Amino acid sequence: MSSTVAAILTMVGLTVWHLRTRRHPCWSASADARFYIVAGYPAVAIAVFWLVGAATRTGWEWAIGNAWALAAMVSFVCGFNALHRACEQQQEASMTIESIDSDADADADSDVRADNDSDEARPTRRQGSNGSSHA
């Protein structure tokens, strides 16, 4: 009976936590974060299985359960670090775009227009089918 209750509580807890985590602004931007976090869910379930079974047995069940819990924790930490890294990359990219100087762009655009205007003033030469050029 206690294993059934532990399984149900684990699933409910992981579902609530997953719904909260999916609301993170960078959830859809980071495939690594999604991978690590979703990989942590079965590790938690396996850890709970071993730790619930360890209550009635004496042996290595505690160590195995704790090892799976450690693996789940490392997976979650890597996932949340990847989420934060994705947010930092998005923020850095947006700051770079926002910091582009519009005056420098206007100067560069006017230089390009001046070059294009001078090119249009020159006559162009076209090659004929026999290789001769026509003005």
N, C-alpha and C. Protein backbone atom coordinates (compact mmCIF):
# COMPACT_ATOMS: atom_id res chain seq x y z
N MET A 1 0.82 -1.20 0.00
CA MET A 1 0.00 0.00 0.00
C MET A 1 0.86 1.26 0.00
N SER A 2 1.94 1.25 0.78
CA SER A 2 2.77 2.45 0.84
C SER A 2 3.48 2.70 -0.49
N SER A 3 3.78 1.63 -1.24
CA SER A 3 4.43 1.83 -2.54
C SER A 3 3.46 2.47 -3.53
N THR A 4 2.18 2.13 -3.45
CA THR A 4 1.18 2.74 -4.32
C THR A 4 1.01 4.22 -4.01
N VAL A 5 0.96 4.55 -2.73
CA VAL A 5 0.83 5.94 -2.32
C VAL A 5 2.07 6.73 -2.74
N ALA A 6 3.24 6.14 -2.57
CA ALA A 6 4.49 6.82 -2.97
C ALA A 6 4.52 7.05 -4.47
N ALA A 7 4.07 6.07 -5.25
CA ALA A 7 4.05 6.23 -6.71
C ALA A 7 3.08 7.33 -7.13
N ILE A 8 1.91 7.36 -6.53
CA ILE A 8 0.92 8.37 -6.88
C ILE A 8 1.42 9.76 -6.48
N LEU A 9 1.95 9.90 -5.28
CA LEU A 9 2.47 11.20 -4.84
C LEU A 9 3.65 11.65 -5.71
N THR A 10 4.48 10.72 -6.11
CA THR A 10 5.61 11.06 -6.98
C THR A 10 5.12 11.57 -8.32
N MET A 11 4.16 10.88 -8.91
CA MET A 11 3.63 11.29 -10.21
C MET A 11 2.93 12.65 -10.13
N VAL A 12 2.16 12.86 -9.08
CA VAL A 12 1.46 14.14 -8.91
C VAL A 12 2.48 15.27 -8.72
N GLY A 13 3.47 15.02 -7.87
CA GLY A 13 4.49 16.03 -7.63
C GLY A 13 5.29 16.37 -8.88
N LEU A 14 5.68 15.34 -9.63
CA LEU A 14 6.44 15.59 -10.86
C LEU A 14 5.58 16.29 -11.92
N THR A 15 4.31 15.96 -11.98
CA THR A 15 3.42 16.61 -12.95
C THR A 15 3.25 18.09 -12.62
N VAL A 16 3.02 18.40 -11.35
CA VAL A 16 2.87 19.81 -10.95
C VAL A 16 4.16 20.57 -11.21
N TRP A 17 5.29 19.96 -10.87
CA TRP A 17 6.57 20.62 -11.08
C TRP A 17 6.86 20.81 -12.57
N HIS A 18 6.50 19.82 -13.39
CA HIS A 18 6.71 19.94 -14.83
C HIS A 18 5.86 21.07 -15.42
N LEU A 19 4.61 21.16 -14.99
CA LEU A 19 3.75 22.24 -15.49
C LEU A 19 4.30 23.61 -15.11
N ARG A 20 4.87 23.71 -13.93
CA ARG A 20 5.47 24.98 -13.50
C ARG A 20 6.75 25.25 -14.30
N THR A 21 7.55 24.24 -14.52
CA THR A 21 8.82 24.42 -15.22
C THR A 21 8.59 24.77 -16.69
N ARG A 22 7.57 24.21 -17.30
CA ARG A 22 7.29 24.51 -18.71
C ARG A 22 6.92 25.96 -18.94
N ARG A 23 6.55 26.66 -17.90
CA ARG A 23 6.21 28.08 -18.03
C ARG A 23 7.45 28.97 -18.09
N HIS A 24 8.62 28.38 -17.90
CA HIS A 24 9.87 29.16 -17.96
C HIS A 24 9.99 29.78 -19.34
N PRO A 25 10.40 31.05 -19.43
CA PRO A 25 10.44 31.73 -20.73
C PRO A 25 11.36 31.07 -21.76
N CYS A 26 12.36 30.36 -21.33
CA CYS A 26 13.31 29.75 -22.27
C CYS A 26 13.08 28.26 -22.47
N TRP A 27 11.95 27.74 -22.01
CA TRP A 27 11.69 26.31 -22.12
C TRP A 27 11.71 25.87 -23.58
N SER A 28 11.09 26.60 -24.46
CA SER A 28 11.03 26.19 -25.86
C SER A 28 12.32 26.51 -26.60
N ALA A 29 13.17 27.35 -26.02
CA ALA A 29 14.41 27.75 -26.71
C ALA A 29 15.57 26.81 -26.45
N SER A 30 15.51 25.99 -25.43
CA SER A 30 16.66 25.16 -25.07
C SER A 30 16.30 23.68 -25.10
N ALA A 31 16.76 23.01 -26.13
CA ALA A 31 16.53 21.56 -26.24
C ALA A 31 17.33 20.81 -25.18
N ASP A 32 18.52 21.30 -24.85
CA ASP A 32 19.33 20.65 -23.82
C ASP A 32 18.62 20.67 -22.47
N ALA A 33 18.04 21.80 -22.13
CA ALA A 33 17.33 21.92 -20.86
C ALA A 33 16.15 20.95 -20.81
N ARG A 34 15.38 20.93 -21.90
CA ARG A 34 14.24 20.00 -21.93
C ARG A 34 14.71 18.56 -21.79
N PHE A 35 15.81 18.20 -22.45
CA PHE A 35 16.31 16.83 -22.37
C PHE A 35 16.70 16.47 -20.94
N TYR A 36 17.52 17.32 -20.31
CA TYR A 36 18.00 17.00 -18.97
C TYR A 36 16.87 16.94 -17.96
N ILE A 37 15.95 17.89 -18.05
CA ILE A 37 14.86 17.91 -17.07
C ILE A 37 13.93 16.72 -17.25
N VAL A 38 13.58 16.42 -18.50
CA VAL A 38 12.69 15.28 -18.74
C VAL A 38 13.40 13.96 -18.40
N ALA A 39 14.71 13.89 -18.58
CA ALA A 39 15.46 12.69 -18.21
C ALA A 39 15.50 12.50 -16.69
N GLY A 40 15.35 13.58 -15.95
CA GLY A 40 15.35 13.48 -14.50
C GLY A 40 14.09 12.85 -13.93
N TYR A 41 12.98 12.95 -14.63
CA TYR A 41 11.72 12.40 -14.12
C TYR A 41 11.76 10.88 -13.91
N PRO A 42 12.18 10.10 -14.90
CA PRO A 42 12.25 8.66 -14.63
C PRO A 42 13.29 8.31 -13.57
N ALA A 43 14.35 9.10 -13.47
CA ALA A 43 15.35 8.84 -12.43
C ALA A 43 14.73 9.03 -11.05
N VAL A 44 13.87 10.03 -10.90
CA VAL A 44 13.17 10.23 -9.62
C VAL A 44 12.25 9.04 -9.33
N ALA A 45 11.53 8.59 -10.34
CA ALA A 45 10.62 7.45 -10.14
C ALA A 45 11.39 6.19 -9.74
N ILE A 46 12.53 5.95 -10.37
CA ILE A 46 13.34 4.78 -10.01
C ILE A 46 13.90 4.93 -8.61
N ALA A 47 14.34 6.13 -8.25
CA ALA A 47 14.84 6.37 -6.90
C ALA A 47 13.76 6.12 -5.85
N VAL A 48 12.55 6.59 -6.12
CA VAL A 48 11.45 6.37 -5.17
C VAL A 48 11.16 4.88 -5.05
N PHE A 49 11.18 4.15 -6.17
CA PHE A 49 10.95 2.71 -6.13
C PHE A 49 11.96 2.03 -5.21
N TRP A 50 13.24 2.34 -5.39
CA TRP A 50 14.28 1.69 -4.58
C TRP A 50 14.20 2.14 -3.12
N LEU A 51 13.91 3.40 -2.87
CA LEU A 51 13.86 3.88 -1.49
C LEU A 51 12.64 3.36 -0.74
N VAL A 52 11.52 3.18 -1.43
CA VAL A 52 10.33 2.60 -0.78
C VAL A 52 10.60 1.13 -0.47
N GLY A 53 11.25 0.44 -1.40
CA GLY A 53 11.57 -0.97 -1.16
C GLY A 53 12.63 -1.16 -0.09
N ALA A 54 13.45 -0.14 0.14
CA ALA A 54 14.51 -0.26 1.14
C ALA A 54 13.96 -0.30 2.56
N ALA A 55 12.75 0.16 2.76
CA ALA A 55 12.17 0.17 4.10
C ALA A 55 11.91 -1.24 4.62
N THR A 56 11.65 -2.17 3.72
CA THR A 56 11.32 -3.52 4.15
C THR A 56 12.50 -4.49 4.00
N ARG A 57 13.54 -4.06 3.34
CA ARG A 57 14.69 -4.95 3.12
C ARG A 57 15.93 -4.35 3.79
N THR A 58 16.89 -5.19 3.97
CA THR A 58 18.18 -4.70 4.47
C THR A 58 19.23 -5.11 3.46
N GLY A 59 19.84 -4.14 2.87
CA GLY A 59 20.84 -4.44 1.85
C GLY A 59 21.25 -3.17 1.14
N TRP A 60 21.47 -3.31 -0.14
CA TRP A 60 21.98 -2.21 -0.94
C TRP A 60 20.88 -1.31 -1.51
N GLU A 61 19.64 -1.54 -1.14
CA GLU A 61 18.55 -0.76 -1.70
C GLU A 61 18.68 0.73 -1.40
N TRP A 62 19.12 1.05 -0.17
CA TRP A 62 19.30 2.46 0.18
C TRP A 62 20.35 3.11 -0.71
N ALA A 63 21.44 2.42 -0.91
CA ALA A 63 22.52 2.98 -1.73
C ALA A 63 22.08 3.15 -3.18
N ILE A 64 21.36 2.17 -3.70
CA ILE A 64 20.89 2.25 -5.09
C ILE A 64 19.86 3.37 -5.23
N GLY A 65 18.95 3.47 -4.28
CA GLY A 65 17.96 4.54 -4.31
C GLY A 65 18.60 5.92 -4.21
N ASN A 66 19.58 6.04 -3.34
CA ASN A 66 20.28 7.33 -3.21
C ASN A 66 21.09 7.66 -4.46
N ALA A 67 21.66 6.66 -5.11
CA ALA A 67 22.41 6.90 -6.34
C ALA A 67 21.47 7.40 -7.44
N TRP A 68 20.28 6.79 -7.55
CA TRP A 68 19.32 7.26 -8.54
C TRP A 68 18.82 8.67 -8.21
N ALA A 69 18.64 8.95 -6.93
CA ALA A 69 18.22 10.30 -6.53
C ALA A 69 19.31 11.33 -6.86
N LEU A 70 20.57 10.94 -6.67
CA LEU A 70 21.68 11.83 -7.02
C LEU A 70 21.71 12.06 -8.54
N ALA A 71 21.50 11.00 -9.31
CA ALA A 71 21.47 11.14 -10.78
C ALA A 71 20.33 12.06 -11.21
N ALA A 72 19.18 11.95 -10.58
CA ALA A 72 18.05 12.82 -10.91
C ALA A 72 18.37 14.26 -10.56
N MET A 73 18.99 14.47 -9.40
CA MET A 73 19.34 15.83 -8.99
C MET A 73 20.34 16.45 -9.97
N VAL A 74 21.35 15.70 -10.38
CA VAL A 74 22.34 16.21 -11.33
C VAL A 74 21.67 16.53 -12.66
N SER A 75 20.75 15.69 -13.09
CA SER A 75 20.03 15.93 -14.33
C SER A 75 19.20 17.22 -14.26
N PHE A 76 18.51 17.42 -13.14
CA PHE A 76 17.73 18.64 -12.98
C PHE A 76 18.62 19.88 -12.92
N VAL A 77 19.73 19.80 -12.22
CA VAL A 77 20.64 20.94 -12.13
C VAL A 77 21.20 21.29 -13.51
N CYS A 78 21.60 20.28 -14.28
CA CYS A 78 22.09 20.53 -15.64
C CYS A 78 20.99 21.15 -16.50
N GLY A 79 19.77 20.68 -16.35
CA GLY A 79 18.65 21.24 -17.11
C GLY A 79 18.38 22.69 -16.78
N PHE A 80 18.38 23.02 -15.49
CA PHE A 80 18.11 24.41 -15.12
C PHE A 80 19.28 25.31 -15.46
N ASN A 81 20.50 24.79 -15.40
CA ASN A 81 21.64 25.59 -15.87
C ASN A 81 21.52 25.88 -17.36
N ALA A 82 21.07 24.89 -18.13
CA ALA A 82 20.87 25.10 -19.57
C ALA A 82 19.75 26.12 -19.83
N LEU A 83 18.71 26.10 -19.01
CA LEU A 83 17.64 27.10 -19.14
C LEU A 83 18.18 28.51 -18.89
N HIS A 84 18.94 28.65 -17.84
CA HIS A 84 19.49 29.98 -17.52
C HIS A 84 20.49 30.43 -18.59
N ARG A 85 21.28 29.50 -19.12
CA ARG A 85 22.23 29.83 -20.18
C ARG A 85 21.49 30.28 -21.44
N ALA A 86 20.39 29.62 -21.77
CA ALA A 86 19.60 30.01 -22.94
C ALA A 86 19.02 31.42 -22.76
N CYS A 87 18.56 31.72 -21.56
CA CYS A 87 18.03 33.07 -21.29
C CYS A 87 19.13 34.12 -21.41
N GLU A 88 20.31 33.80 -20.90
CA GLU A 88 21.42 34.75 -21.00
C GLU A 88 21.81 34.98 -22.46
N GLN A 89 21.81 33.91 -23.26
CA GLN A 89 22.15 34.06 -24.68
C GLN A 89 21.11 34.91 -25.40
N GLN A 90 19.84 34.69 -25.10
CA GLN A 90 18.79 35.50 -25.72
C GLN A 90 18.90 36.96 -25.29
N GLN A 91 19.19 37.19 -24.01
CA GLN A 91 19.32 38.56 -23.53
C GLN A 91 20.53 39.23 -24.17
N GLU A 92 21.63 38.51 -24.30
CA GLU A 92 22.83 39.09 -24.92
C GLU A 92 22.57 39.43 -26.39
N ALA A 93 21.87 38.55 -27.10
CA ALA A 93 21.55 38.82 -28.50
C ALA A 93 20.64 40.03 -28.64
N SER A 94 19.65 40.13 -27.77
CA SER A 94 18.74 41.28 -27.86
C SER A 94 19.45 42.57 -27.48
N MET A 95 20.35 42.52 -26.53
CA MET A 95 21.11 43.72 -26.17
C MET A 95 22.03 44.14 -27.31
N THR A 96 22.60 43.18 -28.01
CA THR A 96 23.46 43.49 -29.15
C THR A 96 22.65 44.16 -30.25
N ILE A 97 21.47 43.64 -30.51
CA ILE A 97 20.62 44.21 -31.56
C ILE A 97 20.16 45.61 -31.15
N GLU A 98 19.79 45.78 -29.89
CA GLU A 98 19.31 47.08 -29.42
C GLU A 98 20.42 48.13 -29.37
N SER A 99 21.66 47.69 -29.25
CA SER A 99 22.76 48.65 -29.11
C SER A 99 23.37 49.06 -30.44
N ILE A 100 22.81 48.61 -31.55
CA ILE A 100 23.29 49.03 -32.86
C ILE A 100 22.96 50.51 -33.03
N ASP A 101 23.96 51.30 -33.38
CA ASP A 101 23.80 52.75 -33.49
C ASP A 101 23.08 53.09 -34.78
N SER A 102 21.94 53.74 -34.67
CA SER A 102 21.16 54.07 -35.87
C SER A 102 21.83 55.18 -36.68
N ASP A 103 22.60 56.07 -36.06
CA ASP A 103 23.30 57.11 -36.81
C ASP A 103 24.38 56.50 -37.69
N ALA A 104 25.08 55.51 -37.17
CA ALA A 104 26.11 54.86 -37.97
C ALA A 104 25.48 54.12 -39.14
N ASP A 105 24.29 53.56 -38.92
CA ASP A 105 23.59 52.88 -40.01
C ASP A 105 23.16 53.88 -41.07
N ALA A 106 22.71 55.05 -40.65
CA ALA A 106 22.28 56.06 -41.62
C ALA A 106 23.48 56.53 -42.45
N ASP A 107 24.64 56.72 -41.81
CA ASP A 107 25.84 57.11 -42.54
C ASP A 107 26.25 56.02 -43.53
N ALA A 108 26.20 54.79 -43.10
CA ALA A 108 26.58 53.68 -43.98
C ALA A 108 25.59 53.57 -45.14
N ASP A 109 24.30 53.78 -44.88
CA ASP A 109 23.30 53.73 -45.95
C ASP A 109 23.52 54.85 -46.96
N SER A 110 23.87 56.05 -46.48
CA SER A 110 24.10 57.15 -47.42
C SER A 110 25.35 56.91 -48.25
N ASP A 111 26.37 56.27 -47.67
CA ASP A 111 27.57 55.92 -48.43
C ASP A 111 27.25 54.90 -49.51
N VAL A 112 26.42 53.94 -49.18
CA VAL A 112 26.04 52.91 -50.15
C VAL A 112 25.21 53.54 -51.26
N ARG A 113 24.29 54.46 -50.90
CA ARG A 113 23.50 55.13 -51.93
C ARG A 113 24.37 55.98 -52.85
N ALA A 114 25.37 56.64 -52.29
CA ALA A 114 26.26 57.46 -53.11
C ALA A 114 27.05 56.58 -54.08
N ASP A 115 27.49 55.41 -53.62
CA ASP A 115 28.20 54.49 -54.51
C ASP A 115 27.28 54.00 -55.61
N ASN A 116 26.05 53.69 -55.27
CA ASN A 116 25.10 53.21 -56.28
C ASN A 116 24.78 54.30 -57.29
N ASP A 117 24.64 55.55 -56.81
CA ASP A 117 24.36 56.66 -57.72
C ASP A 117 25.50 56.87 -58.70
N SER A 118 26.74 56.77 -58.23
CA SER A 118 27.88 56.96 -59.13
C SER A 118 27.99 55.81 -60.11
N ASP A 119 27.58 54.61 -59.72
CA ASP A 119 27.59 53.47 -60.64
C ASP A 119 26.54 53.65 -61.72
N GLU A 120 25.40 54.24 -61.38
CA GLU A 120 24.34 54.42 -62.36
C GLU A 120 24.71 55.48 -63.39
N ALA A 121 25.57 56.40 -63.02
CA ALA A 121 25.97 57.46 -63.94
C ALA A 121 26.91 56.93 -65.03
N ARG A 122 27.62 55.87 -64.76
CA ARG A 122 28.54 55.31 -65.73
C ARG A 122 27.78 54.48 -66.75
N PRO A 123 28.18 54.56 -68.03
CA PRO A 123 27.54 53.69 -69.01
C PRO A 123 28.03 52.26 -68.81
N THR A 124 27.15 51.36 -69.06
CA THR A 124 27.53 49.96 -68.91
C THR A 124 27.87 49.38 -70.27
N ARG A 125 28.76 48.44 -70.28
CA ARG A 125 29.14 47.78 -71.52
C ARG A 125 28.59 46.36 -71.47
N ARG A 126 27.95 46.00 -72.57
CA ARG A 126 27.42 44.65 -72.67
C ARG A 126 28.19 43.90 -73.74
N GLN A 127 28.41 42.66 -73.49
CA GLN A 127 29.11 41.80 -74.46
C GLN A 127 28.10 41.26 -75.45
N GLY A 128 28.46 41.34 -76.71
CA GLY A 128 27.62 40.77 -77.76
C GLY A 128 27.90 39.28 -77.89
N SER A 129 27.16 38.63 -78.76
CA SER A 129 27.34 37.20 -78.95
C SER A 129 28.69 36.87 -79.57
N ASN A 130 29.29 37.81 -80.31
CA ASN A 130 30.57 37.56 -80.93
C ASN A 130 31.73 38.05 -80.07
N GLY A 131 31.48 38.51 -78.86
CA GLY A 131 32.53 38.93 -77.97
C GLY A 131 32.82 40.41 -78.02
N SER A 132 32.21 41.15 -78.95
CA SER A 132 32.44 42.59 -79.02
C SER A 132 31.60 43.30 -77.98
N SER A 133 32.07 44.42 -77.52
CA SER A 133 31.32 45.15 -76.49
C SER A 133 30.55 46.29 -77.11
N HIS A 134 29.39 46.54 -76.57
CA HIS A 134 28.51 47.60 -77.04
C HIS A 134 28.30 48.57 -75.89
N ALA A 135 28.28 49.85 -76.18
CA ALA A 135 28.06 50.85 -75.13
C ALA A 135 26.61 51.20 -75.01
